[in-house]
Protein backbone atom coordinates (compact mmCIF):
# COMPACT_ATOMS: atom_id res chain seq x y z
CA MET A 1 70.41 108.45 193.33
CA ASN A 2 67.42 109.90 190.77
CA TYR A 3 67.55 112.11 188.08
CA GLU A 4 64.40 114.33 186.51
CA PHE A 5 64.95 116.05 183.33
CA SER A 6 62.77 117.04 179.80
CA GLY A 7 62.24 114.17 177.73
CA ALA A 8 63.16 114.46 173.55
CA LEU A 9 59.65 115.03 172.43
CA PRO A 10 57.45 117.71 173.88
CA ASN A 11 55.47 117.80 177.07
CA GLN A 12 57.85 114.56 178.33
CA THR A 13 59.19 114.84 181.89
CA ILE A 14 61.59 111.04 182.51
CA LEU A 15 62.62 110.55 186.09
CA LEU A 16 65.45 107.99 185.71
CA SER A 17 66.96 105.65 188.48
CA LYS A 18 69.22 102.68 189.02
CA GLU A 19 66.60 101.42 191.13
CA CYS A 20 63.35 100.31 190.36
CA LEU A 21 60.75 102.52 190.63
CA ILE A 22 57.35 100.46 189.23
CA GLU A 23 57.44 97.06 189.63
CA GLU A 24 56.09 95.77 186.85
CA ALA A 25 57.34 98.13 183.44
CA ASN A 26 55.79 98.01 179.98
CA CYS A 27 58.45 98.36 177.78
CA VAL A 28 62.52 97.76 177.73
CA LEU A 29 65.64 99.64 176.25
CA ILE A 30 69.13 97.32 176.05
CA PHE A 31 72.51 98.44 176.04
CA ALA A 32 73.72 95.28 174.08
CA PHE A 33 77.22 94.19 173.34
CA TYR A 34 78.64 91.90 170.41
CA GLN A 35 81.84 90.98 171.14
CA GLY A 36 82.43 94.00 172.90
CA LYS A 37 80.50 96.40 170.73
CA LEU A 38 77.61 98.11 170.90
CA VAL A 39 74.66 97.33 169.12
CA LEU A 40 72.05 99.83 167.76
CA ALA A 41 69.44 99.23 165.24
CA ARG A 42 68.25 101.84 162.19
CA HIS A 43 65.09 102.35 162.73
CA HIS A 44 63.31 103.03 159.25
CA CYS A 45 62.13 106.58 160.43
CA ARG A 46 63.61 107.65 163.35
CA GLY A 47 67.68 106.25 162.64
CA TRP A 48 70.14 105.05 164.65
CA GLU A 49 69.01 103.66 168.70
CA LEU A 50 69.30 100.93 170.70
CA PRO A 51 66.84 97.63 170.09
CA GLY A 52 64.01 97.57 172.81
CA GLY A 53 60.49 98.21 172.60
CA SER A 54 56.93 97.65 173.79
CA ARG A 55 56.24 94.04 175.92
CA GLU A 56 53.49 92.60 174.39
CA GLU A 57 50.26 90.76 176.42
CA GLY A 58 50.92 87.74 177.97
CA GLU A 59 54.56 88.12 178.00
CA SER A 60 57.18 88.53 181.20
CA ILE A 61 59.68 91.57 180.84
CA ILE A 62 62.37 89.15 180.55
CA GLN A 63 60.46 87.45 177.20
CA THR A 64 60.22 91.11 176.05
CA VAL A 65 64.06 91.81 176.25
CA ILE A 66 64.62 88.72 174.13
CA ARG A 67 62.07 89.28 171.48
CA GLU A 68 63.28 92.68 170.94
CA MET A 69 66.69 91.93 170.81
CA TYR A 70 65.65 89.50 168.25
CA GLU A 71 62.88 91.18 166.03
CA GLU A 72 65.23 94.33 165.53
CA THR A 73 68.65 92.94 165.57
CA GLY A 74 68.50 89.23 164.86
CA GLY A 75 70.52 88.90 168.41
CA GLU A 76 70.50 85.61 170.38
CA LEU A 77 71.57 87.01 174.12
CA ASP A 78 74.00 85.16 175.89
CA SER A 79 73.49 86.50 179.07
CA PHE A 80 71.45 90.48 180.67
CA GLU A 81 71.22 92.16 183.77
CA ARG A 82 68.65 95.28 184.39
CA ILE A 83 70.97 98.64 185.38
CA GLY A 84 67.79 100.65 185.48
CA GLN A 85 64.49 102.04 185.12
CA TYR A 86 63.22 104.72 184.05
CA LEU A 87 59.31 106.81 183.79
CA ILE A 88 58.25 108.65 180.71
CA TYR A 89 55.52 111.46 181.92
CA GLU A 90 53.56 113.18 179.11
CA LYS A 91 52.45 116.05 181.04
CA THR A 92 51.60 114.64 184.19
CA ARG A 93 50.29 111.24 182.94
CA LEU A 94 52.41 108.09 183.38
CA VAL A 95 53.21 106.79 179.94
CA PHE A 96 55.93 104.33 180.02
CA VAL A 97 57.86 102.39 182.19
CA LYS A 98 60.74 100.94 180.54
CA ASN A 99 63.77 98.78 181.93
CA ILE A 100 66.98 99.34 180.88
CA TYR A 101 68.64 96.45 180.55
CA ILE A 102 72.65 95.64 179.95
CA SER A 103 73.50 92.50 178.19
CA LYS A 104 76.36 90.48 175.66
CA VAL A 105 75.00 89.32 172.68
CA ARG A 106 75.82 85.74 171.68
CA ILE A 107 75.73 85.61 168.02
CA LEU A 108 74.10 88.16 165.11
CA ARG A 109 72.17 86.36 162.66
CA GLU A 110 70.44 87.92 159.82
CA LEU A 111 66.72 87.30 159.79
CA PRO A 112 64.12 86.15 157.13
CA ASN A 113 61.79 89.14 155.35
CA GLY A 114 58.64 89.60 157.32
CA PHE A 115 61.21 90.98 160.72
CA GLU A 116 61.64 94.07 161.67
CA THR A 117 65.48 94.14 160.96
CA ASN A 118 63.95 93.36 156.93
CA GLY A 119 62.20 96.58 156.88
CA PHE A 120 59.34 96.75 158.51
CA GLU A 121 60.50 98.93 162.07
CA THR A 122 64.55 98.78 161.73
CA ASN A 123 66.95 98.47 158.44
CA GLY A 124 70.03 97.16 159.53
CA VAL A 125 72.74 96.79 162.53
CA TRP A 126 75.57 98.62 163.48
CA LEU A 127 77.94 97.83 165.38
CA LEU A 128 80.51 100.40 167.10
CA ASP A 129 84.06 100.24 169.19
CA VAL A 130 83.13 102.92 171.12
CA ILE A 131 80.20 104.02 172.82
CA PRO A 132 78.95 107.34 170.97
CA LYS A 133 79.65 110.58 172.84
CA GLN A 134 76.32 112.82 173.64
CA LEU A 135 77.37 115.61 171.89
CA GLU A 136 78.63 112.80 168.63
CA ILE A 137 74.84 111.84 168.81
CA MET A 138 73.51 115.40 169.30
CA ASN A 139 75.17 116.66 165.76
CA ASP A 140 74.37 113.44 163.53
CA PRO A 141 70.57 113.68 162.24
CA THR A 142 71.32 109.95 160.99
CA PHE A 143 70.90 108.86 165.56
CA SER A 144 67.11 108.64 166.33
CA PRO A 145 65.83 111.35 168.57
CA LEU A 146 65.23 109.12 171.26
CA MET A 147 69.17 108.92 171.86
CA LYS A 148 69.51 112.33 172.20
CA ASP A 149 67.94 113.06 175.62
CA LYS A 150 69.68 112.43 179.13
CA VAL A 151 68.72 108.92 179.32
CA TYR A 152 71.62 107.75 177.01
CA LEU A 153 73.71 110.39 178.52
CA ILE A 154 73.89 109.02 181.77
CA VAL A 155 73.53 105.77 181.36
CA SER A 156 76.24 105.50 178.79
CA ASP A 157 78.47 106.10 181.37
CA TRP A 158 76.79 103.49 183.99
CA VAL A 159 77.73 100.99 181.12
CA LYS A 160 81.64 101.95 180.95
CA GLY A 161 83.97 99.22 182.67
CA HIS A 162 80.66 96.38 182.52
CA ARG A 163 81.54 93.12 181.84
CA PHE A 164 79.83 92.82 179.00
CA THR A 165 81.24 95.74 176.85
CA HIS A 166 84.54 93.42 176.55
CA CYS A 167 84.99 90.46 174.59
């Protein structure tokens, strides 16, 4: 089943699916769990959000998952799997192809100065016992606008009960 809806930003349309819609993704979004708790990173401008980001030149999408998780949270992954993909269009132009992953974090390390967690892109990690409901996120200005579209709403339902969400 595919979902189509407006994005978090003006003039965006999102197409979301559990299936791979386009082979080569250029971004990742990670629903990461450490000891059964959801891991969020605090972006210095946007607020609390799921780890993720853009694929660098010469990097595989798997390498992107591992790098982004470490750069934004200090998390080293035990295992992960792709659970979906979404396409972001601005007007009619496809701008992002994001693979969505669920992961189990083996360890969270404190990163040295110069890494994203220490002020460049993110500023802290938050471990949540319960996956926040969409209404909680919508009413809390400390959450990133990127968490306030239907991607989070739909995919947070997909991850409930997954083996990575347990200790």
